Structure formats: structure tokens, C-alpha cells
Amino acid sequence: MPAVEVRYLVAGGLAVNAHGYLRFTKDIEVEYEQALIKPLYGHIQVRFVSLAILIRMKEVSDRPQDRADIQYLRMRQMDDESE
């Protein structure tokens, strides 16, 4: 996507993984707005939704896995705020 200048952010389970909570996911959501930028394979810059937006998205979806993700992501958010 960067080669054709498409604006995107990876969301959902892959974004949960990028924020430090590793778990299996079988779908990918793509959004726009703020980003966490992390390298893939050491050199490809991938944009993930911010932690705050990811938590809001999970709250709206409100599936069992989303509720579990929210608990962990809120802990990460508190850790980030205390640093």
C-alpha cells in the first residue's frame, strides 16, 4: 500500500498484537486516523490504530474476545501513561 500512497491503519486483532498482547486473529480491519507505526520484517513500516482508538473500537464491537482484549489493552494504556 505505501507504494501507491494508500492511507490505512491496521486495526482489530493485529493491532492488539502490535500493542503487545499476542493472540491469534483470523480477520483484519483497516481504519484511518492516528497511528502506532511498527516495522514488519525489519523494514516495512506498518501503521496500526492508536491504543485509545483500538479500545474504543473493541468497546463498540463488544464480543467476548473484545472484552478480553480491552482488559489487557487498558493495562497497557495505564503503563504507558505512568512512564
N, C-alpha and C. Protein backbone atom coordinates (compact mmCIF):
# COMPACT_ATOMS: atom_id res chain seq x y z
N MET A 1 0.80 -1.20 0.00
CA MET A 1 0.00 0.00 0.00
C MET A 1 0.84 1.27 0.00
N PRO A 2 1.97 1.33 0.71
CA PRO A 2 2.74 2.57 0.68
C PRO A 2 3.20 2.97 -0.71
N ALA A 3 3.47 2.00 -1.59
CA ALA A 3 3.96 2.32 -2.93
C ALA A 3 2.94 3.11 -3.74
N VAL A 4 1.65 2.93 -3.45
CA VAL A 4 0.61 3.66 -4.18
C VAL A 4 -0.03 4.75 -3.32
N GLU A 5 0.60 5.04 -2.18
CA GLU A 5 0.18 6.10 -1.28
C GLU A 5 -1.26 5.95 -0.78
N VAL A 6 -1.66 4.73 -0.44
CA VAL A 6 -2.97 4.48 0.16
C VAL A 6 -2.84 4.71 1.65
N ARG A 7 -3.75 5.52 2.22
CA ARG A 7 -3.73 5.78 3.66
C ARG A 7 -4.51 4.68 4.37
N TYR A 8 -3.89 4.06 5.36
CA TYR A 8 -4.54 2.97 6.07
C TYR A 8 -3.95 2.84 7.47
N LEU A 9 -4.70 2.18 8.34
CA LEU A 9 -4.22 1.76 9.65
C LEU A 9 -4.76 0.36 9.89
N VAL A 10 -3.93 -0.52 10.40
CA VAL A 10 -4.37 -1.87 10.73
C VAL A 10 -5.04 -1.82 12.11
N ALA A 11 -6.18 -2.49 12.24
CA ALA A 11 -6.95 -2.49 13.48
C ALA A 11 -7.25 -3.93 13.89
N GLY A 12 -8.06 -4.09 14.92
CA GLY A 12 -8.51 -5.40 15.35
C GLY A 12 -7.41 -6.21 16.00
N GLY A 13 -7.46 -7.52 15.83
CA GLY A 13 -6.54 -8.44 16.49
C GLY A 13 -5.08 -8.18 16.15
N LEU A 14 -4.79 -7.79 14.92
CA LEU A 14 -3.40 -7.49 14.57
C LEU A 14 -2.91 -6.26 15.30
N ALA A 15 -3.78 -5.27 15.49
CA ALA A 15 -3.41 -4.09 16.26
C ALA A 15 -3.22 -4.45 17.74
N VAL A 16 -4.06 -5.35 18.25
CA VAL A 16 -3.89 -5.82 19.64
C VAL A 16 -2.49 -6.43 19.78
N ASN A 17 -2.10 -7.26 18.82
CA ASN A 17 -0.77 -7.86 18.84
C ASN A 17 0.32 -6.80 18.80
N ALA A 18 0.16 -5.80 17.95
CA ALA A 18 1.17 -4.75 17.82
C ALA A 18 1.34 -3.96 19.11
N HIS A 19 0.27 -3.86 19.89
CA HIS A 19 0.33 -3.15 21.17
C HIS A 19 0.81 -4.05 22.30
N GLY A 20 1.24 -5.28 21.98
CA GLY A 20 1.91 -6.10 22.97
C GLY A 20 1.15 -7.28 23.54
N TYR A 21 -0.08 -7.50 23.14
CA TYR A 21 -0.86 -8.63 23.64
C TYR A 21 -0.97 -9.64 22.51
N LEU A 22 -0.14 -10.67 22.53
CA LEU A 22 -0.09 -11.61 21.42
C LEU A 22 -1.19 -12.65 21.55
N ARG A 23 -2.01 -12.70 20.52
CA ARG A 23 -3.09 -13.69 20.46
C ARG A 23 -3.40 -13.95 19.00
N PHE A 24 -4.08 -15.06 18.73
CA PHE A 24 -4.46 -15.42 17.37
C PHE A 24 -5.60 -14.54 16.89
N THR A 25 -5.57 -14.18 15.62
CA THR A 25 -6.70 -13.48 15.00
C THR A 25 -6.91 -14.05 13.61
N LYS A 26 -8.15 -14.06 13.16
CA LYS A 26 -8.44 -14.61 11.83
C LYS A 26 -9.02 -13.57 10.88
N ASP A 27 -9.07 -12.30 11.31
CA ASP A 27 -9.56 -11.26 10.43
C ASP A 27 -8.69 -10.01 10.56
N ILE A 28 -8.83 -9.11 9.61
CA ILE A 28 -8.07 -7.87 9.61
C ILE A 28 -9.04 -6.72 9.37
N GLU A 29 -8.93 -5.68 10.19
CA GLU A 29 -9.71 -4.47 9.96
C GLU A 29 -8.72 -3.36 9.58
N VAL A 30 -9.13 -2.50 8.68
CA VAL A 30 -8.28 -1.38 8.27
C VAL A 30 -9.06 -0.10 8.51
N GLU A 31 -8.43 0.87 9.16
CA GLU A 31 -9.05 2.14 9.52
C GLU A 31 -8.11 3.29 9.15
N TYR A 32 -8.55 4.50 9.43
CA TYR A 32 -7.74 5.71 9.23
C TYR A 32 -7.67 6.46 10.54
N GLU A 33 -6.82 7.43 10.68
CA GLU A 33 -6.66 8.33 11.83
C GLU A 33 -5.27 8.21 12.41
N GLN A 34 -5.16 8.22 13.77
CA GLN A 34 -3.87 8.19 14.46
C GLN A 34 -3.22 6.82 14.31
N ALA A 35 -1.90 6.77 14.52
CA ALA A 35 -1.22 5.52 14.25
C ALA A 35 -0.11 5.19 15.23
N LEU A 36 0.08 3.88 15.43
CA LEU A 36 1.28 3.31 16.02
C LEU A 36 2.02 2.73 14.82
N ILE A 37 3.25 3.17 14.59
CA ILE A 37 4.00 2.69 13.42
C ILE A 37 5.06 1.71 13.91
N LYS A 38 4.99 0.49 13.36
CA LYS A 38 5.95 -0.55 13.72
C LYS A 38 6.48 -1.20 12.45
N PRO A 39 7.75 -1.59 12.46
CA PRO A 39 8.31 -2.25 11.27
C PRO A 39 7.86 -3.71 11.17
N LEU A 40 7.63 -4.14 9.96
CA LEU A 40 7.32 -5.54 9.66
C LEU A 40 8.52 -6.09 8.89
N TYR A 41 9.04 -7.21 9.32
CA TYR A 41 10.24 -7.79 8.71
C TYR A 41 11.41 -6.82 8.75
N GLY A 42 11.41 -5.92 9.74
CA GLY A 42 12.52 -5.02 9.94
C GLY A 42 12.58 -3.78 9.08
N HIS A 43 11.79 -3.71 7.99
CA HIS A 43 11.94 -2.56 7.11
C HIS A 43 10.63 -2.01 6.52
N ILE A 44 9.55 -2.73 6.59
CA ILE A 44 8.27 -2.25 6.05
C ILE A 44 7.51 -1.57 7.18
N GLN A 45 7.26 -0.28 7.08
CA GLN A 45 6.55 0.46 8.12
C GLN A 45 5.05 0.19 8.01
N VAL A 46 4.45 -0.39 9.06
CA VAL A 46 3.03 -0.70 9.09
C VAL A 46 2.38 0.21 10.12
N ARG A 47 1.24 0.79 9.79
CA ARG A 47 0.53 1.70 10.69
C ARG A 47 -0.63 0.96 11.36
N PHE A 48 -0.67 1.03 12.69
CA PHE A 48 -1.73 0.41 13.48
C PHE A 48 -2.51 1.51 14.18
N VAL A 49 -3.80 1.29 14.41
CA VAL A 49 -4.60 2.28 15.13
C VAL A 49 -3.98 2.52 16.51
N SER A 50 -4.20 3.72 17.04
CA SER A 50 -3.68 4.06 18.37
C SER A 50 -4.36 3.20 19.42
N LEU A 51 -3.75 3.12 20.57
CA LEU A 51 -4.28 2.32 21.66
C LEU A 51 -5.67 2.81 22.08
N ALA A 52 -5.85 4.11 22.22
CA ALA A 52 -7.14 4.66 22.64
C ALA A 52 -8.24 4.34 21.62
N ILE A 53 -7.94 4.49 20.35
CA ILE A 53 -8.94 4.19 19.31
C ILE A 53 -9.23 2.70 19.28
N LEU A 54 -8.20 1.88 19.43
CA LEU A 54 -8.41 0.42 19.43
C LEU A 54 -9.33 0.02 20.58
N ILE A 55 -9.13 0.59 21.76
CA ILE A 55 -10.00 0.28 22.89
C ILE A 55 -11.43 0.70 22.58
N ARG A 56 -11.63 1.88 22.01
CA ARG A 56 -12.99 2.32 21.66
C ARG A 56 -13.63 1.40 20.63
N MET A 57 -12.86 0.97 19.64
CA MET A 57 -13.39 0.04 18.63
C MET A 57 -13.82 -1.27 19.28
N LYS A 58 -13.00 -1.77 20.19
CA LYS A 58 -13.32 -3.01 20.89
C LYS A 58 -14.56 -2.85 21.76
N GLU A 59 -14.72 -1.68 22.41
CA GLU A 59 -15.91 -1.44 23.23
C GLU A 59 -17.18 -1.45 22.38
N VAL A 60 -17.11 -0.88 21.20
CA VAL A 60 -18.27 -0.85 20.31
C VAL A 60 -18.63 -2.25 19.83
N SER A 61 -17.63 -3.05 19.47
CA SER A 61 -17.88 -4.41 18.99
C SER A 61 -18.44 -5.30 20.09
N ASP A 62 -17.85 -5.21 21.28
CA ASP A 62 -18.35 -5.88 22.49
C ASP A 62 -18.56 -7.39 22.36
N ARG A 63 -17.66 -8.06 21.62
CA ARG A 63 -17.69 -9.52 21.57
C ARG A 63 -16.87 -10.06 22.73
N PRO A 64 -17.00 -11.33 23.08
CA PRO A 64 -16.22 -11.88 24.20
C PRO A 64 -14.71 -11.63 24.06
N GLN A 65 -14.14 -11.84 22.87
CA GLN A 65 -12.70 -11.61 22.68
C GLN A 65 -12.37 -10.13 22.81
N ASP A 66 -13.29 -9.26 22.36
CA ASP A 66 -13.07 -7.82 22.50
C ASP A 66 -12.99 -7.43 23.98
N ARG A 67 -13.86 -7.99 24.80
CA ARG A 67 -13.84 -7.67 26.23
C ARG A 67 -12.54 -8.13 26.87
N ALA A 68 -12.04 -9.30 26.47
CA ALA A 68 -10.75 -9.78 26.99
C ALA A 68 -9.61 -8.87 26.53
N ASP A 69 -9.65 -8.47 25.26
CA ASP A 69 -8.63 -7.56 24.73
C ASP A 69 -8.63 -6.23 25.49
N ILE A 70 -9.82 -5.70 25.76
CA ILE A 70 -9.95 -4.41 26.44
C ILE A 70 -9.26 -4.45 27.80
N GLN A 71 -9.43 -5.52 28.55
CA GLN A 71 -8.79 -5.62 29.86
C GLN A 71 -7.28 -5.48 29.75
N TYR A 72 -6.69 -6.22 28.81
CA TYR A 72 -5.24 -6.15 28.63
C TYR A 72 -4.82 -4.78 28.10
N LEU A 73 -5.54 -4.27 27.11
CA LEU A 73 -5.17 -3.00 26.50
C LEU A 73 -5.25 -1.85 27.49
N ARG A 74 -6.22 -1.88 28.39
CA ARG A 74 -6.30 -0.84 29.42
C ARG A 74 -5.10 -0.91 30.36
N MET A 75 -4.63 -2.11 30.67
CA MET A 75 -3.42 -2.23 31.49
C MET A 75 -2.23 -1.62 30.76
N ARG A 76 -2.12 -1.89 29.46
CA ARG A 76 -1.03 -1.30 28.67
C ARG A 76 -1.13 0.21 28.64
N GLN A 77 -2.35 0.71 28.53
CA GLN A 77 -2.59 2.15 28.49
C GLN A 77 -2.15 2.80 29.81
N MET A 78 -2.49 2.17 30.93
CA MET A 78 -2.07 2.69 32.23
C MET A 78 -0.55 2.67 32.37
N ASP A 79 0.09 1.59 31.88
CA ASP A 79 1.56 1.51 31.92
C ASP A 79 2.18 2.64 31.09
N ASP A 80 1.62 2.86 29.89
CA ASP A 80 2.14 3.91 29.01
C ASP A 80 1.99 5.29 29.65
N GLU A 81 0.86 5.52 30.31
CA GLU A 81 0.61 6.83 30.94
C GLU A 81 1.50 7.07 32.15
N SER A 82 1.92 6.00 32.84
CA SER A 82 2.76 6.15 34.03
C SER A 82 4.24 6.35 33.68
N GLU A 83 4.62 6.10 32.43
CA GLU A 83 6.03 6.25 32.02
C GLU A 83 6.40 7.68 31.78
